[in-house]
N, C-alpha and C. Protein backbone atom coordinates (compact mmCIF):
# COMPACT_ATOMS: atom_id res chain seq x y z
N UNK A 1 66.94 -8.85 24.48
CA UNK A 1 65.81 -9.49 23.90
C UNK A 1 66.19 -10.00 22.60
N UNK A 2 65.99 -11.46 22.49
CA UNK A 2 66.16 -12.22 21.23
C UNK A 2 65.44 -11.66 20.17
N UNK A 3 65.70 -11.86 18.89
CA UNK A 3 64.94 -11.15 17.54
C UNK A 3 63.64 -11.57 17.43
N UNK A 4 63.31 -12.90 17.91
CA UNK A 4 61.74 -13.47 17.63
C UNK A 4 60.89 -12.80 18.61
N UNK A 5 61.61 -12.30 19.86
CA UNK A 5 60.42 -11.91 20.92
C UNK A 5 60.28 -10.57 20.40
N UNK A 6 61.22 -9.58 19.79
CA UNK A 6 61.14 -8.49 19.37
C UNK A 6 60.04 -8.53 18.21
N UNK A 7 60.09 -9.10 17.60
CA UNK A 7 58.98 -9.44 16.37
C UNK A 7 57.54 -9.81 16.84
N UNK A 8 57.60 -10.78 17.94
CA UNK A 8 56.24 -10.89 18.54
C UNK A 8 55.65 -9.61 19.18
N UNK A 9 56.57 -8.87 19.90
CA UNK A 9 56.20 -7.64 20.49
C UNK A 9 55.59 -6.66 19.57
N UNK A 10 56.27 -6.65 18.47
CA UNK A 10 55.99 -5.42 17.29
C UNK A 10 54.65 -5.98 16.87
N UNK A 11 54.63 -7.09 16.53
CA UNK A 11 53.20 -7.69 15.81
C UNK A 11 52.13 -7.55 16.81
N UNK A 12 52.26 -7.80 18.02
CA UNK A 12 51.04 -7.55 19.04
C UNK A 12 50.76 -6.14 19.28
N UNK A 13 51.92 -5.19 19.28
CA UNK A 13 51.68 -3.74 19.63
C UNK A 13 50.99 -3.26 18.09
N UNK A 14 51.16 -3.70 17.16
CA UNK A 14 50.51 -3.23 15.80
C UNK A 14 49.12 -3.92 15.72
N UNK A 15 48.79 -4.91 16.08
CA UNK A 15 47.54 -5.53 16.15
C UNK A 15 46.46 -4.88 17.34
N UNK A 16 47.31 -4.61 18.44
CA UNK A 16 46.24 -3.87 19.40
C UNK A 16 46.25 -2.33 19.08
N UNK A 17 47.00 -1.51 18.07
CA UNK A 17 47.02 -0.26 18.00
C UNK A 17 45.73 -0.29 17.01
N UNK A 18 45.93 -1.56 15.99
CA UNK A 18 44.86 -1.59 14.85
C UNK A 18 43.40 -1.66 15.52
N UNK A 19 43.40 -2.32 16.31
CA UNK A 19 42.08 -2.70 17.09
C UNK A 19 41.42 -1.54 17.64
N UNK A 20 42.47 -0.76 18.51
CA UNK A 20 42.09 0.44 19.15
C UNK A 20 41.79 1.36 18.11
N UNK A 21 42.43 1.58 17.10
CA UNK A 21 42.22 2.76 16.01
C UNK A 21 40.75 2.25 15.48
N UNK A 22 40.50 1.22 15.20
CA UNK A 22 39.11 0.84 14.22
C UNK A 22 38.12 1.15 15.45
N UNK A 23 38.26 0.78 16.67
CA UNK A 23 36.90 0.69 17.57
C UNK A 23 37.06 2.32 18.10
N UNK A 24 38.09 2.80 18.03
CA UNK A 24 38.05 4.23 18.38
C UNK A 24 37.52 5.25 17.52
N UNK A 25 37.35 5.01 16.16
CA UNK A 25 37.05 6.14 15.34
C UNK A 25 35.75 6.06 14.91
N UNK A 26 34.78 4.94 15.38
CA UNK A 26 33.42 5.21 15.21
C UNK A 26 32.79 6.03 16.46
N UNK A 27 33.49 5.92 17.60
CA UNK A 27 33.09 7.03 18.52
C UNK A 27 33.79 8.10 18.71
N UNK A 28 34.76 8.51 17.85
CA UNK A 28 35.32 9.84 17.84
C UNK A 28 34.43 10.79 16.99
N UNK A 29 33.68 10.47 16.01
CA UNK A 29 32.93 11.33 15.18
C UNK A 29 31.46 11.25 15.24
N UNK A 30 31.03 12.51 15.44
CA UNK A 30 29.34 12.55 15.57
C UNK A 30 28.91 12.94 14.17
N UNK A 31 27.87 12.57 13.57
CA UNK A 31 27.52 12.64 12.43
C UNK A 31 26.01 13.34 12.53
N UNK A 32 25.72 14.40 11.27
CA UNK A 32 24.73 14.98 11.48
C UNK A 32 23.76 14.46 10.00
N UNK A 33 22.67 13.94 9.90
CA UNK A 33 21.78 13.50 8.76
C UNK A 33 20.72 14.34 8.43
N UNK A 34 20.80 14.92 7.14
CA UNK A 34 19.97 15.57 6.38
C UNK A 34 19.14 14.84 5.63
N UNK A 35 17.47 14.86 5.80
CA UNK A 35 16.69 14.04 4.85
C UNK A 35 15.93 14.96 4.28
N UNK A 36 15.60 14.03 3.04
CA UNK A 36 14.47 14.69 1.94
C UNK A 36 13.48 13.87 1.86
N UNK A 37 12.32 14.35 1.58
CA UNK A 37 11.04 13.53 1.10
C UNK A 37 11.26 13.01 -0.28
N UNK A 38 10.78 11.79 -0.52
CA UNK A 38 10.60 11.16 -2.06
C UNK A 38 9.47 11.41 -2.68
N UNK A 39 9.31 11.78 -3.75
CA UNK A 39 8.07 12.27 -4.38
C UNK A 39 8.05 11.62 -5.80
N UNK A 40 7.02 10.78 -6.00
CA UNK A 40 6.98 9.97 -7.35
C UNK A 40 6.82 11.01 -8.51
N UNK A 41 7.52 10.30 -9.70
CA UNK A 41 7.64 11.49 -10.90
C UNK A 41 5.99 11.52 -11.49
N UNK A 42 5.21 10.74 -11.38
CA UNK A 42 3.71 10.92 -12.02
C UNK A 42 2.91 10.40 -11.09
N UNK A 43 1.50 11.01 -11.17
CA UNK A 43 0.56 10.15 -10.42
C UNK A 43 -0.73 9.70 -11.20
N UNK A 44 -1.07 8.81 -11.26
CA UNK A 44 -2.07 8.16 -12.18
C UNK A 44 -3.55 8.41 -11.40
N UNK A 45 -4.48 8.56 -12.29
CA UNK A 45 -5.81 8.70 -11.87
C UNK A 45 -6.51 7.64 -12.15
N UNK A 46 -7.18 7.04 -11.01
CA UNK A 46 -8.08 5.72 -11.00
C UNK A 46 -9.38 5.98 -11.20
N UNK A 47 -10.32 5.41 -12.08
CA UNK A 47 -11.69 5.54 -12.12
C UNK A 47 -12.35 4.30 -11.68
N UNK A 48 -13.60 4.22 -11.12
CA UNK A 48 -14.41 3.22 -10.93
C UNK A 48 -15.93 3.26 -11.37
N UNK A 49 -16.69 2.20 -11.88
CA UNK A 49 -18.27 2.53 -11.90
C UNK A 49 -18.76 1.32 -11.11
N UNK A 50 -19.68 1.66 -10.26
CA UNK A 50 -20.47 0.74 -9.60
C UNK A 50 -21.99 0.85 -10.05
N UNK A 51 -22.67 -0.36 -9.95
CA UNK A 51 -23.93 -0.55 -10.44
C UNK A 51 -24.70 -1.19 -9.29
N UNK A 52 -26.15 -0.70 -9.39
CA UNK A 52 -26.96 -1.42 -8.30
C UNK A 52 -28.56 -1.43 -9.07
N UNK A 53 -29.22 -2.67 -8.84
CA UNK A 53 -30.54 -2.74 -9.34
C UNK A 53 -31.30 -1.95 -8.59
N UNK A 54 -32.72 -1.16 -8.81
CA UNK A 54 -33.45 -0.54 -8.16
C UNK A 54 -34.45 -1.49 -7.34
N UNK A 55 -35.06 -2.20 -8.09
CA UNK A 55 -35.97 -2.71 -7.86
C UNK A 55 -35.65 -4.06 -6.81
N UNK A 56 -34.55 -4.31 -6.69
CA UNK A 56 -34.01 -5.32 -5.67
C UNK A 56 -33.80 -4.72 -4.39
N UNK A 57 -33.88 -3.45 -4.21
CA UNK A 57 -33.59 -2.86 -2.86
C UNK A 57 -34.77 -3.15 -1.88
N UNK A 58 -34.33 -3.06 -0.85
CA UNK A 58 -35.39 -3.10 0.24
C UNK A 58 -35.86 -1.55 0.62
N UNK A 59 -37.43 -1.53 0.57
CA UNK A 59 -37.82 -0.19 0.95
C UNK A 59 -39.47 -0.34 0.75
N UNK A 60 -40.03 0.55 0.93
CA UNK A 60 -41.52 0.73 0.86
C UNK A 60 -42.19 1.23 -0.30
N UNK A 61 -41.17 2.26 -0.88
CA UNK A 61 -41.63 3.01 -2.17
C UNK A 61 -40.55 3.20 -3.09
N UNK A 62 -40.76 3.66 -4.14
CA UNK A 62 -39.69 3.70 -5.23
C UNK A 62 -38.71 4.66 -4.82
N UNK A 63 -38.93 5.70 -4.44
CA UNK A 63 -37.88 6.84 -3.93
C UNK A 63 -37.00 6.16 -3.06
N UNK A 64 -37.31 5.54 -1.91
CA UNK A 64 -36.68 4.86 -1.10
C UNK A 64 -35.81 3.65 -1.67
N UNK A 65 -36.40 2.99 -2.53
CA UNK A 65 -35.66 1.90 -3.44
C UNK A 65 -34.39 2.85 -4.02
N UNK A 66 -34.62 3.88 -4.77
CA UNK A 66 -33.84 4.43 -5.76
C UNK A 66 -32.61 5.03 -4.61
N UNK A 67 -32.98 5.54 -3.80
CA UNK A 67 -31.80 5.97 -2.48
C UNK A 67 -31.14 4.89 -2.13
N UNK A 68 -31.76 3.75 -1.88
CA UNK A 68 -30.79 2.84 -1.41
C UNK A 68 -29.79 2.23 -2.76
N UNK A 69 -30.34 2.16 -4.03
CA UNK A 69 -29.79 1.79 -5.11
C UNK A 69 -28.28 2.68 -5.47
N UNK A 70 -28.68 4.06 -5.18
CA UNK A 70 -27.65 4.93 -5.14
C UNK A 70 -26.39 4.84 -4.17
N UNK A 71 -26.95 4.40 -2.93
CA UNK A 71 -25.85 4.11 -1.96
C UNK A 71 -25.20 2.72 -2.32
N UNK A 72 -25.96 1.84 -2.89
CA UNK A 72 -25.48 0.63 -3.20
C UNK A 72 -24.36 0.71 -4.45
N UNK A 73 -24.78 1.65 -5.37
CA UNK A 73 -23.80 1.67 -6.55
C UNK A 73 -22.47 2.38 -6.20
N UNK A 74 -22.70 3.14 -5.09
CA UNK A 74 -21.37 3.75 -4.60
C UNK A 74 -20.46 2.89 -4.04
N UNK A 75 -20.93 1.97 -3.21
CA UNK A 75 -20.38 0.99 -2.48
C UNK A 75 -19.70 0.14 -3.47
N UNK A 76 -20.42 -0.32 -4.57
CA UNK A 76 -19.75 -1.16 -5.59
C UNK A 76 -18.73 -0.51 -6.11
N UNK A 77 -18.79 1.05 -6.41
CA UNK A 77 -17.85 1.61 -6.95
C UNK A 77 -16.34 1.61 -6.21
N UNK A 78 -16.72 1.91 -4.80
CA UNK A 78 -15.86 1.85 -3.95
C UNK A 78 -14.91 0.39 -4.07
N UNK A 79 -15.66 -0.64 -4.10
CA UNK A 79 -15.15 -2.22 -4.18
C UNK A 79 -14.26 -2.15 -5.20
N UNK A 80 -14.81 -1.63 -6.61
CA UNK A 80 -14.00 -1.85 -7.75
C UNK A 80 -12.68 -0.96 -7.66
N UNK A 81 -12.63 -0.01 -6.60
CA UNK A 81 -11.46 1.01 -6.72
C UNK A 81 -10.52 0.22 -5.81
N UNK A 82 -11.03 -0.56 -4.52
CA UNK A 82 -10.09 -1.30 -3.78
C UNK A 82 -9.32 -2.50 -4.55
N UNK A 83 -10.32 -2.87 -5.62
CA UNK A 83 -9.39 -3.97 -6.47
C UNK A 83 -8.26 -3.37 -7.10
N UNK A 84 -8.45 -2.36 -7.77
CA UNK A 84 -7.40 -1.79 -8.42
C UNK A 84 -6.27 -1.46 -7.63
N UNK A 85 -6.56 -0.82 -6.44
CA UNK A 85 -5.32 -0.39 -5.57
C UNK A 85 -4.89 -1.58 -4.91
N UNK A 86 -5.58 -2.36 -4.28
CA UNK A 86 -5.06 -3.36 -3.32
C UNK A 86 -5.05 -4.95 -3.97
N UNK A 87 -5.70 -4.97 -5.20
CA UNK A 87 -5.78 -6.17 -5.70
C UNK A 87 -6.72 -7.32 -5.56
N UNK A 88 -7.21 -8.27 -5.54
CA UNK A 88 -8.44 -9.11 -5.32
C UNK A 88 -7.81 -10.48 -4.88
N UNK A 89 -8.12 -11.01 -3.88
CA UNK A 89 -7.81 -12.47 -3.20
C UNK A 89 -8.92 -13.53 -3.77
N UNK A 90 -8.25 -14.51 -4.40
CA UNK A 90 -8.94 -15.44 -5.13
C UNK A 90 -8.62 -16.92 -4.28
N UNK A 91 -9.59 -17.57 -3.79
CA UNK A 91 -9.62 -18.86 -3.30
C UNK A 91 -10.39 -19.73 -4.16
N UNK A 92 -9.88 -21.13 -4.60
CA UNK A 92 -10.17 -22.02 -5.07
C UNK A 92 -10.28 -23.24 -4.54
N UNK A 93 -11.21 -24.30 -4.70
CA UNK A 93 -11.41 -25.58 -3.96
C UNK A 93 -12.13 -26.35 -4.85
N UNK A 94 -11.41 -27.82 -5.11
CA UNK A 94 -12.01 -28.73 -5.79
C UNK A 94 -11.90 -29.98 -5.19
N UNK A 95 -13.07 -30.97 -5.17
CA UNK A 95 -13.20 -32.11 -4.51
C UNK A 95 -13.47 -33.05 -5.72
N UNK A 96 -12.56 -34.33 -5.53
CA UNK A 96 -12.81 -35.43 -6.53
C UNK A 96 -13.33 -36.73 -5.73
N UNK A 97 -14.10 -37.44 -6.27
CA UNK A 97 -14.68 -38.92 -5.63
C UNK A 97 -14.68 -39.68 -6.75
N UNK A 98 -13.87 -40.66 -7.03
CA UNK A 98 -13.54 -41.70 -7.85
C UNK A 98 -13.45 -40.88 -9.23
N UNK A 99 -12.52 -40.00 -9.23
CA UNK A 99 -12.09 -39.34 -10.53
C UNK A 99 -13.23 -38.70 -10.99
N UNK A 100 -14.08 -38.21 -10.02
CA UNK A 100 -15.13 -37.33 -10.71
C UNK A 100 -15.34 -36.17 -9.91
N UNK A 101 -15.29 -35.06 -10.31
CA UNK A 101 -15.45 -33.64 -9.79
C UNK A 101 -16.79 -33.56 -9.03
N UNK A 102 -16.83 -33.37 -7.74
CA UNK A 102 -17.94 -33.59 -7.10
C UNK A 102 -18.28 -32.07 -6.24
N UNK A 103 -17.23 -31.32 -6.15
CA UNK A 103 -17.27 -29.96 -5.65
C UNK A 103 -16.32 -29.27 -6.23
N UNK A 104 -17.00 -27.87 -6.76
CA UNK A 104 -15.89 -26.82 -7.51
C UNK A 104 -16.19 -25.44 -6.82
N UNK A 105 -15.48 -24.66 -5.96
CA UNK A 105 -15.77 -23.82 -5.40
C UNK A 105 -14.81 -22.41 -5.68
N UNK A 106 -15.18 -21.32 -5.88
CA UNK A 106 -14.26 -20.18 -6.14
C UNK A 106 -14.73 -19.18 -5.30
N UNK A 107 -13.95 -18.38 -4.73
CA UNK A 107 -14.08 -17.24 -3.57
C UNK A 107 -13.39 -16.34 -3.91
N UNK A 108 -13.96 -14.86 -3.94
CA UNK A 108 -12.81 -13.77 -4.02
C UNK A 108 -13.15 -12.77 -3.14
N UNK A 109 -12.38 -11.89 -2.60
CA UNK A 109 -12.46 -10.90 -1.73
C UNK A 109 -11.58 -9.89 -1.86
N UNK A 110 -11.98 -8.71 -1.29
CA UNK A 110 -11.45 -7.47 -1.46
C UNK A 110 -11.00 -6.75 0.00
N UNK A 111 -10.07 -6.39 0.22
CA UNK A 111 -10.08 -5.65 1.56
C UNK A 111 -8.87 -4.47 1.40
N UNK A 112 -9.44 -3.32 1.79
CA UNK A 112 -8.56 -2.07 1.99
C UNK A 112 -9.37 -0.89 2.38
N UNK A 113 -8.68 0.08 2.49
CA UNK A 113 -9.00 1.50 2.59
C UNK A 113 -8.59 2.49 1.55
N UNK A 114 -9.86 2.97 1.13
CA UNK A 114 -10.01 3.72 -0.04
C UNK A 114 -10.13 5.26 1.02
N UNK A 115 -8.89 6.40 0.71
CA UNK A 115 -8.97 7.64 1.14
C UNK A 115 -8.96 8.51 -0.09
N UNK A 116 -9.70 9.87 -0.18
CA UNK A 116 -9.26 10.69 -1.22
C UNK A 116 -10.36 10.60 -2.52
N UNK A 117 -11.28 9.67 -2.69
CA UNK A 117 -11.72 9.27 -3.90
C UNK A 117 -13.05 10.48 -3.91
N UNK A 118 -13.67 10.74 -5.20
CA UNK A 118 -14.61 11.63 -5.07
C UNK A 118 -15.74 10.82 -6.20
N UNK A 119 -16.80 11.48 -5.97
CA UNK A 119 -17.64 10.86 -6.93
C UNK A 119 -17.78 12.21 -8.04
N UNK A 120 -17.74 11.40 -9.21
CA UNK A 120 -17.80 12.31 -10.50
C UNK A 120 -19.47 12.03 -11.04
N UNK A 121 -20.22 11.13 -10.95
CA UNK A 121 -21.54 11.25 -11.53
C UNK A 121 -22.17 10.16 -10.92
N UNK A 122 -23.66 10.53 -10.78
CA UNK A 122 -24.38 9.56 -10.16
C UNK A 122 -25.64 9.70 -11.03
N UNK A 123 -26.23 8.39 -11.59
CA UNK A 123 -26.98 8.58 -12.72
C UNK A 123 -28.01 7.17 -13.00
N UNK A 124 -29.01 7.33 -13.29
CA UNK A 124 -29.95 6.19 -13.65
C UNK A 124 -29.44 5.44 -15.16
N UNK A 125 -29.62 4.12 -15.08
CA UNK A 125 -29.02 3.51 -16.36
C UNK A 125 -30.43 2.65 -16.69
N UNK A 126 -31.11 2.93 -17.78
CA UNK A 126 -32.12 2.32 -18.04
C UNK A 126 -33.43 2.69 -17.00
N UNK A 127 -34.33 1.59 -16.89
CA UNK A 127 -35.37 1.81 -15.97
C UNK A 127 -35.17 0.94 -14.65
N UNK A 128 -34.25 0.37 -14.39
CA UNK A 128 -34.07 -0.44 -13.14
C UNK A 128 -32.67 -0.44 -12.48
N UNK A 129 -31.69 0.42 -13.01
CA UNK A 129 -30.26 0.43 -12.55
C UNK A 129 -29.77 1.70 -12.21
N UNK A 130 -28.76 1.82 -11.45
CA UNK A 130 -28.42 3.19 -10.90
C UNK A 130 -26.88 3.05 -10.90
N UNK A 131 -26.05 3.89 -11.46
CA UNK A 131 -24.58 3.89 -11.50
C UNK A 131 -24.08 5.01 -10.84
N UNK A 132 -22.81 4.92 -10.38
CA UNK A 132 -22.23 5.73 -9.59
C UNK A 132 -20.70 5.63 -10.20
N UNK A 133 -20.25 6.77 -10.57
CA UNK A 133 -18.82 6.86 -11.02
C UNK A 133 -17.69 7.53 -9.94
N UNK A 134 -16.82 7.06 -9.76
CA UNK A 134 -15.84 7.31 -8.41
C UNK A 134 -14.34 7.77 -9.54
N UNK A 135 -13.63 8.63 -8.95
CA UNK A 135 -12.04 9.03 -9.27
C UNK A 135 -11.38 8.98 -8.19
N UNK A 136 -10.01 8.50 -8.42
CA UNK A 136 -9.33 8.45 -7.23
C UNK A 136 -7.91 9.11 -7.72
N UNK A 137 -7.51 10.21 -7.54
CA UNK A 137 -6.30 10.95 -7.87
C UNK A 137 -5.31 10.34 -7.21
N UNK A 138 -4.34 9.75 -7.56
CA UNK A 138 -3.16 9.33 -6.50
C UNK A 138 -2.00 10.58 -6.09
N UNK A 139 -2.23 11.51 -6.72
CA UNK A 139 -1.68 12.86 -6.10
C UNK A 139 -2.17 13.20 -4.90
N UNK A 140 -3.67 13.22 -4.77
CA UNK A 140 -4.29 13.32 -3.65
C UNK A 140 -3.86 12.49 -2.33
N UNK A 141 -4.14 11.15 -2.93
CA UNK A 141 -3.66 9.95 -1.87
C UNK A 141 -2.27 10.17 -1.21
N UNK A 142 -1.43 10.74 -1.98
CA UNK A 142 -0.01 10.77 -1.83
C UNK A 142 0.02 12.00 -0.75
N UNK A 143 -0.70 13.09 -0.89
CA UNK A 143 -0.81 14.18 -0.03
C UNK A 143 -1.27 13.71 1.24
N UNK A 144 -2.25 12.88 1.27
CA UNK A 144 -3.04 12.52 2.66
C UNK A 144 -2.03 11.44 3.36
N UNK A 145 -0.94 10.53 2.57
CA UNK A 145 -0.11 9.84 2.95
C UNK A 145 0.94 10.49 3.68
N UNK A 146 1.29 11.54 2.94
CA UNK A 146 2.46 12.34 3.68
C UNK A 146 2.26 13.14 5.00
N UNK A 147 0.79 13.23 5.30
CA UNK A 147 0.06 14.03 6.43
C UNK A 147 0.50 13.02 7.58
N UNK A 148 0.59 11.73 7.14
CA UNK A 148 0.58 10.69 8.33
C UNK A 148 1.92 10.20 8.65
N UNK A 149 2.54 9.82 7.45
CA UNK A 149 3.77 9.27 7.50
C UNK A 149 4.88 9.96 6.44
N UNK A 150 5.72 10.22 6.78
CA UNK A 150 6.88 10.90 6.04
C UNK A 150 7.71 10.08 5.48
N UNK A 151 7.74 9.64 4.23
CA UNK A 151 8.73 8.72 3.60
C UNK A 151 10.16 9.66 3.32
N UNK A 152 11.20 9.18 3.84
CA UNK A 152 12.54 10.08 3.69
C UNK A 152 13.57 9.02 3.08
N UNK A 153 14.67 9.85 2.66
CA UNK A 153 15.80 9.23 2.08
C UNK A 153 16.92 10.43 2.48
N UNK A 154 18.20 9.93 2.44
CA UNK A 154 19.35 10.58 3.24
C UNK A 154 19.80 11.76 2.01
N UNK A 155 19.79 12.91 2.39
CA UNK A 155 20.28 13.94 1.61
C UNK A 155 21.76 14.14 1.58
N UNK A 156 22.06 14.30 2.79
CA UNK A 156 23.56 14.65 3.14
C UNK A 156 23.92 14.10 4.65
N UNK A 157 25.05 13.73 4.56
CA UNK A 157 25.74 13.27 5.96
C UNK A 157 26.74 14.07 6.20
N UNK A 158 27.15 14.63 7.34
CA UNK A 158 28.37 15.57 7.61
C UNK A 158 28.71 15.05 9.13
N UNK A 159 30.28 14.67 8.92
CA UNK A 159 30.77 14.16 10.21
C UNK A 159 31.48 15.32 10.72
N UNK A 160 31.40 15.12 11.93
CA UNK A 160 32.33 16.41 12.70
C UNK A 160 33.54 15.82 13.58
């Protein structure tokens, strides 16, 4: 066999063995992955206050209007908590005609689910307003989150 053909055969053999070795290694070993949950270092406590007027509520008598104002102030406090957790979406629009501003609109909205909040106080403010204070402990939210979806990171990988 000429010397050049021997070199080609050796290079081809080495290349084939390298391909087989690289592709064979991945299927040769089995691995076991151990996971651990990730926990934050600290948990903030968020608070919010909601207000509602009593006289503007729909109802036949004063006690019904007061109860409706209590419920409305609680919903307002939840809205404020949702703003803190999820943020607030703001949409703006302006129209010009002959370089004169003819229409100027600004809209905001909040969307989100608040779980784990608790009412700390509900009280009248002055003669015609009711207030509700809410507290959201993020450690409680984290516990609720862990019960549904377990965040994980790799603790250890063992190859066999």
